[in-house]
Structure formats: C-alpha cells, structure tokens
Amino acid sequence: MAMSKIKRDDDVIVIAGKDKGKRGKVIKVLEQDRLIVSGVQMIKKHQKPNPQAGVVGGIIEREAPIHVSNVAIYNAQSNRADRVGFKISEDNQKVRVFKSSGEPVGA
C-alpha cells in the first residue's frame, strides 16, 4: 500500500469550496480519498433518539467528509498551504516533505 500524503492529526487548510481558507486538524482518513477535518464542512443532521444506545434526538451539527483534493497540508514555517512530496532519508525510511522547502512534515 502506498504512503498517503495526508494523515490523521495533520494540520490542513481548505483550498476549495464553501470553507475555503479554514484550517483544521484531520480527525479521520476515510476510504475513497475523503477526510474528516475538525470544524470544516459542518452539516446539520436530524437524529432520531435511540434510548438503547443512549442517543438523544434532535438536530446535531457535525463534520461531513471532504475530498482530499480540496485540502492542502499547512506549512507552519511559511504560514501557508503546501504540497507534499516524498524522500528517502539516510536510514532508508520514506518520509513526507514539504515541496517548497524540502523540510520533513511534522518536524
């Protein structure tokens, strides 16, 4: 399996859509190139109460999945969105790096 460019707990910025410009942390990576990002793509869900599961009913607000192409990884050094590339480190590990600076992601 290939190493993905965006992983859980990455800081990302939305580059397209109604939430363009918003930043958040990746909560979960789903299949089919979709992510759930905190505070981004908020939807209102009408939820039925389920007493067995202890779920209260009502209208709840939660994050909906967003496509990976609509987010970019956030580079804290340059304070802007960046692209991700891969490099092989000295100890033969594949690491993610920022395309603009060549610095490792999360370092």
N, C-alpha and C. Protein backbone atom coordinates (compact mmCIF):
# COMPACT_ATOMS: atom_id res chain seq x y z
N MET A 1 0.83 -1.19 0.00
CA MET A 1 0.00 0.00 0.00
C MET A 1 0.87 1.25 0.00
N ALA A 2 0.48 2.24 -0.78
CA ALA A 2 1.27 3.47 -0.90
C ALA A 2 1.08 4.34 0.34
N MET A 3 2.10 5.12 0.63
CA MET A 3 2.04 6.05 1.76
C MET A 3 1.19 7.25 1.34
N SER A 4 0.23 7.63 2.18
CA SER A 4 -0.64 8.74 1.78
C SER A 4 -0.01 10.08 2.13
N LYS A 5 -0.36 11.09 1.34
CA LYS A 5 0.24 12.41 1.52
C LYS A 5 -0.32 13.12 2.74
N ILE A 6 -1.58 12.84 3.08
CA ILE A 6 -2.20 13.47 4.24
C ILE A 6 -2.65 12.38 5.21
N LYS A 7 -2.28 12.53 6.48
CA LYS A 7 -2.57 11.53 7.50
C LYS A 7 -3.38 12.14 8.64
N ARG A 8 -3.81 11.27 9.58
CA ARG A 8 -4.53 11.73 10.76
C ARG A 8 -3.64 12.65 11.58
N ASP A 9 -4.23 13.66 12.20
CA ASP A 9 -3.56 14.66 13.05
C ASP A 9 -2.72 15.67 12.27
N ASP A 10 -2.77 15.64 10.92
CA ASP A 10 -2.09 16.66 10.13
C ASP A 10 -2.89 17.96 10.21
N ASP A 11 -2.19 19.08 10.17
CA ASP A 11 -2.82 20.40 10.11
C ASP A 11 -3.03 20.72 8.64
N VAL A 12 -4.30 20.90 8.22
CA VAL A 12 -4.59 21.16 6.81
C VAL A 12 -5.36 22.46 6.67
N ILE A 13 -5.34 23.00 5.44
CA ILE A 13 -6.08 24.21 5.12
C ILE A 13 -6.94 23.91 3.90
N VAL A 14 -8.20 24.38 3.91
CA VAL A 14 -9.12 24.11 2.81
C VAL A 14 -8.81 25.07 1.67
N ILE A 15 -8.62 24.54 0.46
CA ILE A 15 -8.26 25.38 -0.68
C ILE A 15 -9.39 25.53 -1.70
N ALA A 16 -10.51 24.84 -1.49
CA ALA A 16 -11.64 24.95 -2.41
C ALA A 16 -12.94 24.66 -1.67
N GLY A 17 -14.02 25.28 -2.14
CA GLY A 17 -15.34 25.02 -1.57
C GLY A 17 -15.79 26.11 -0.62
N LYS A 18 -16.93 25.88 0.03
CA LYS A 18 -17.53 26.92 0.87
C LYS A 18 -16.70 27.25 2.11
N ASP A 19 -15.84 26.35 2.54
CA ASP A 19 -15.00 26.59 3.72
C ASP A 19 -13.58 26.99 3.36
N LYS A 20 -13.39 27.51 2.14
CA LYS A 20 -12.05 27.87 1.67
C LYS A 20 -11.36 28.82 2.65
N GLY A 21 -10.11 28.51 2.99
CA GLY A 21 -9.34 29.35 3.92
C GLY A 21 -9.36 28.85 5.35
N LYS A 22 -10.28 27.94 5.68
CA LYS A 22 -10.35 27.43 7.05
C LYS A 22 -9.25 26.41 7.30
N ARG A 23 -8.77 26.40 8.55
CA ARG A 23 -7.75 25.43 8.95
C ARG A 23 -8.32 24.47 9.97
N GLY A 24 -7.81 23.26 9.98
CA GLY A 24 -8.25 22.29 10.97
C GLY A 24 -7.34 21.09 10.99
N LYS A 25 -7.57 20.24 11.98
CA LYS A 25 -6.80 19.01 12.12
C LYS A 25 -7.59 17.85 11.51
N VAL A 26 -6.89 16.94 10.85
CA VAL A 26 -7.55 15.78 10.27
C VAL A 26 -7.92 14.84 11.41
N ILE A 27 -9.24 14.59 11.58
CA ILE A 27 -9.72 13.71 12.63
C ILE A 27 -9.64 12.26 12.18
N LYS A 28 -10.02 12.02 10.92
CA LYS A 28 -10.11 10.66 10.42
C LYS A 28 -9.88 10.65 8.91
N VAL A 29 -9.18 9.63 8.43
CA VAL A 29 -9.00 9.44 6.99
C VAL A 29 -9.91 8.29 6.58
N LEU A 30 -10.82 8.58 5.64
CA LEU A 30 -11.76 7.56 5.17
C LEU A 30 -11.28 6.99 3.84
N GLU A 31 -11.92 5.92 3.39
CA GLU A 31 -11.57 5.36 2.08
C GLU A 31 -12.09 6.30 0.99
N GLN A 32 -11.73 6.05 -0.25
CA GLN A 32 -12.10 6.85 -1.42
C GLN A 32 -11.64 8.30 -1.30
N ASP A 33 -10.43 8.50 -0.80
CA ASP A 33 -9.80 9.83 -0.77
C ASP A 33 -10.61 10.89 -0.03
N ARG A 34 -11.23 10.53 1.08
CA ARG A 34 -12.00 11.51 1.84
C ARG A 34 -11.46 11.62 3.26
N LEU A 35 -11.61 12.82 3.84
CA LEU A 35 -11.12 13.08 5.20
C LEU A 35 -12.22 13.74 6.00
N ILE A 36 -12.11 13.62 7.32
CA ILE A 36 -12.96 14.41 8.20
C ILE A 36 -12.03 15.37 8.93
N VAL A 37 -12.28 16.68 8.74
CA VAL A 37 -11.42 17.72 9.30
C VAL A 37 -12.22 18.49 10.34
N SER A 38 -11.63 18.74 11.52
CA SER A 38 -12.35 19.40 12.61
C SER A 38 -12.77 20.82 12.23
N GLY A 39 -14.05 21.12 12.42
CA GLY A 39 -14.58 22.46 12.17
C GLY A 39 -14.81 22.80 10.71
N VAL A 40 -14.61 21.85 9.81
CA VAL A 40 -14.76 22.11 8.37
C VAL A 40 -15.89 21.25 7.82
N GLN A 41 -16.65 21.80 6.86
CA GLN A 41 -17.74 21.07 6.20
C GLN A 41 -18.80 20.66 7.22
N MET A 42 -19.24 21.63 8.04
CA MET A 42 -20.22 21.35 9.07
C MET A 42 -21.61 21.17 8.45
N ILE A 43 -22.30 20.10 8.88
CA ILE A 43 -23.66 19.85 8.41
C ILE A 43 -24.57 19.68 9.62
N LYS A 44 -25.86 19.90 9.40
CA LYS A 44 -26.84 19.66 10.45
C LYS A 44 -27.50 18.32 10.15
N LYS A 45 -27.47 17.42 11.13
CA LYS A 45 -28.04 16.09 10.94
C LYS A 45 -29.23 15.94 11.87
N HIS A 46 -30.37 15.56 11.29
CA HIS A 46 -31.57 15.31 12.09
C HIS A 46 -31.48 13.89 12.61
N GLN A 47 -31.32 13.74 13.93
CA GLN A 47 -31.06 12.44 14.51
C GLN A 47 -32.22 11.98 15.36
N LYS A 48 -32.65 10.74 15.13
CA LYS A 48 -33.73 10.15 15.92
C LYS A 48 -33.17 9.69 17.26
N PRO A 49 -33.95 9.81 18.33
CA PRO A 49 -33.45 9.30 19.61
C PRO A 49 -33.41 7.78 19.60
N ASN A 50 -32.39 7.23 20.27
CA ASN A 50 -32.27 5.78 20.41
C ASN A 50 -31.92 5.49 21.87
N PRO A 51 -32.95 5.22 22.69
CA PRO A 51 -32.70 5.02 24.12
C PRO A 51 -31.79 3.84 24.43
N GLN A 52 -31.81 2.78 23.60
CA GLN A 52 -30.94 1.62 23.85
C GLN A 52 -29.46 2.01 23.75
N ALA A 53 -29.14 2.85 22.77
CA ALA A 53 -27.75 3.26 22.57
C ALA A 53 -27.42 4.53 23.36
N GLY A 54 -28.42 5.07 24.04
CA GLY A 54 -28.19 6.28 24.83
C GLY A 54 -28.02 7.52 23.97
N VAL A 55 -28.63 7.53 22.77
CA VAL A 55 -28.50 8.65 21.85
C VAL A 55 -29.72 9.55 21.99
N VAL A 56 -29.46 10.84 22.23
CA VAL A 56 -30.58 11.78 22.32
C VAL A 56 -30.90 12.28 20.92
N GLY A 57 -32.18 12.57 20.68
CA GLY A 57 -32.61 13.03 19.37
C GLY A 57 -32.41 14.52 19.23
N GLY A 58 -32.70 15.03 18.04
CA GLY A 58 -32.60 16.46 17.79
C GLY A 58 -31.73 16.74 16.58
N ILE A 59 -31.44 18.01 16.37
CA ILE A 59 -30.60 18.41 15.25
C ILE A 59 -29.19 18.61 15.78
N ILE A 60 -28.28 17.77 15.32
CA ILE A 60 -26.89 17.89 15.78
C ILE A 60 -26.03 18.41 14.63
N GLU A 61 -24.97 19.12 15.00
CA GLU A 61 -24.06 19.63 13.98
C GLU A 61 -22.78 18.81 14.03
N ARG A 62 -22.34 18.34 12.87
CA ARG A 62 -21.14 17.52 12.83
C ARG A 62 -20.39 17.74 11.53
N GLU A 63 -19.16 17.21 11.48
CA GLU A 63 -18.34 17.36 10.28
C GLU A 63 -18.72 16.30 9.25
N ALA A 64 -18.80 16.73 7.99
CA ALA A 64 -19.02 15.79 6.90
C ALA A 64 -17.68 15.55 6.20
N PRO A 65 -17.54 14.42 5.50
CA PRO A 65 -16.27 14.17 4.80
C PRO A 65 -16.01 15.20 3.71
N ILE A 66 -14.74 15.50 3.49
CA ILE A 66 -14.31 16.42 2.45
C ILE A 66 -13.28 15.70 1.60
N HIS A 67 -13.27 15.96 0.31
CA HIS A 67 -12.34 15.27 -0.58
C HIS A 67 -10.92 15.77 -0.37
N VAL A 68 -9.96 14.87 -0.47
CA VAL A 68 -8.56 15.19 -0.19
C VAL A 68 -8.03 16.24 -1.16
N SER A 69 -8.61 16.35 -2.37
CA SER A 69 -8.14 17.34 -3.35
C SER A 69 -8.52 18.76 -2.95
N ASN A 70 -9.47 18.90 -2.02
CA ASN A 70 -9.91 20.24 -1.60
C ASN A 70 -9.15 20.76 -0.39
N VAL A 71 -8.17 20.01 0.10
CA VAL A 71 -7.35 20.47 1.21
C VAL A 71 -5.88 20.38 0.83
N ALA A 72 -5.08 21.21 1.49
CA ALA A 72 -3.63 21.14 1.32
C ALA A 72 -3.03 21.13 2.71
N ILE A 73 -1.87 20.53 2.84
CA ILE A 73 -1.21 20.48 4.14
C ILE A 73 -0.73 21.88 4.49
N TYR A 74 -0.81 22.24 5.78
CA TYR A 74 -0.44 23.58 6.23
C TYR A 74 1.02 23.58 6.68
N ASN A 75 1.80 24.49 6.10
CA ASN A 75 3.21 24.62 6.45
C ASN A 75 3.35 25.75 7.46
N ALA A 76 3.70 25.41 8.70
CA ALA A 76 3.77 26.40 9.78
C ALA A 76 4.93 27.38 9.57
N GLN A 77 6.02 26.94 8.93
CA GLN A 77 7.16 27.84 8.71
C GLN A 77 6.80 28.97 7.75
N SER A 78 6.18 28.62 6.62
CA SER A 78 5.86 29.64 5.62
C SER A 78 4.48 30.24 5.84
N ASN A 79 3.72 29.68 6.80
CA ASN A 79 2.38 30.18 7.14
C ASN A 79 1.39 30.07 5.99
N ARG A 80 1.54 29.06 5.14
CA ARG A 80 0.62 28.90 4.01
C ARG A 80 0.48 27.44 3.62
N ALA A 81 -0.40 27.19 2.66
CA ALA A 81 -0.62 25.83 2.17
C ALA A 81 0.60 25.35 1.40
N ASP A 82 0.82 24.05 1.41
CA ASP A 82 1.98 23.50 0.72
C ASP A 82 1.62 22.14 0.12
N ARG A 83 2.46 21.69 -0.79
CA ARG A 83 2.27 20.37 -1.37
C ARG A 83 3.23 19.40 -0.68
N VAL A 84 2.92 18.11 -0.81
CA VAL A 84 3.71 17.09 -0.12
C VAL A 84 4.43 16.24 -1.15
N GLY A 85 5.71 15.98 -0.88
CA GLY A 85 6.49 15.06 -1.69
C GLY A 85 7.08 14.00 -0.78
N PHE A 86 7.84 13.08 -1.36
CA PHE A 86 8.46 12.02 -0.58
C PHE A 86 9.95 11.99 -0.84
N LYS A 87 10.70 11.67 0.19
CA LYS A 87 12.15 11.49 0.08
C LYS A 87 12.55 10.27 0.88
N ILE A 88 13.65 9.66 0.51
CA ILE A 88 14.21 8.56 1.28
C ILE A 88 15.28 9.14 2.19
N SER A 89 15.12 8.96 3.50
CA SER A 89 16.09 9.51 4.46
C SER A 89 17.34 8.65 4.51
N GLU A 90 18.33 9.12 5.30
CA GLU A 90 19.61 8.39 5.40
C GLU A 90 19.42 6.96 5.89
N ASP A 91 18.47 6.76 6.81
CA ASP A 91 18.25 5.41 7.34
C ASP A 91 17.21 4.62 6.52
N ASN A 92 17.14 4.94 5.23
CA ASN A 92 16.27 4.24 4.27
C ASN A 92 14.80 4.24 4.65
N GLN A 93 14.34 5.32 5.29
CA GLN A 93 12.92 5.47 5.61
C GLN A 93 12.31 6.45 4.61
N LYS A 94 11.08 6.15 4.17
CA LYS A 94 10.38 7.06 3.28
C LYS A 94 9.70 8.13 4.13
N VAL A 95 10.04 9.39 3.93
CA VAL A 95 9.46 10.47 4.73
C VAL A 95 8.74 11.48 3.84
N ARG A 96 7.68 12.08 4.41
CA ARG A 96 6.95 13.13 3.70
C ARG A 96 7.67 14.46 3.89
N VAL A 97 7.81 15.23 2.83
CA VAL A 97 8.48 16.53 2.91
C VAL A 97 7.62 17.59 2.23
N PHE A 98 7.79 18.84 2.68
CA PHE A 98 7.13 19.96 2.02
C PHE A 98 7.84 20.22 0.70
N LYS A 99 7.09 20.41 -0.39
CA LYS A 99 7.68 20.63 -1.71
C LYS A 99 8.43 21.96 -1.75
N SER A 100 7.94 22.99 -1.04
CA SER A 100 8.56 24.31 -1.14
C SER A 100 9.92 24.38 -0.47
N SER A 101 10.08 23.71 0.68
CA SER A 101 11.32 23.85 1.44
C SER A 101 12.13 22.56 1.53
N GLY A 102 11.50 21.42 1.29
CA GLY A 102 12.20 20.14 1.45
C GLY A 102 12.29 19.69 2.89
N GLU A 103 11.68 20.47 3.81
CA GLU A 103 11.69 20.10 5.23
C GLU A 103 10.72 18.94 5.46
N PRO A 104 11.04 18.04 6.40
CA PRO A 104 10.10 16.94 6.70
C PRO A 104 8.80 17.45 7.29
N VAL A 105 7.69 16.81 6.95
CA VAL A 105 6.38 17.18 7.50
C VAL A 105 6.33 16.75 8.97
N GLY A 106 5.86 17.63 9.84
CA GLY A 106 5.72 17.31 11.24
C GLY A 106 7.00 17.43 12.03
N ALA A 107 8.04 18.02 11.41
CA ALA A 107 9.30 18.17 12.14
C ALA A 107 9.36 19.50 12.86
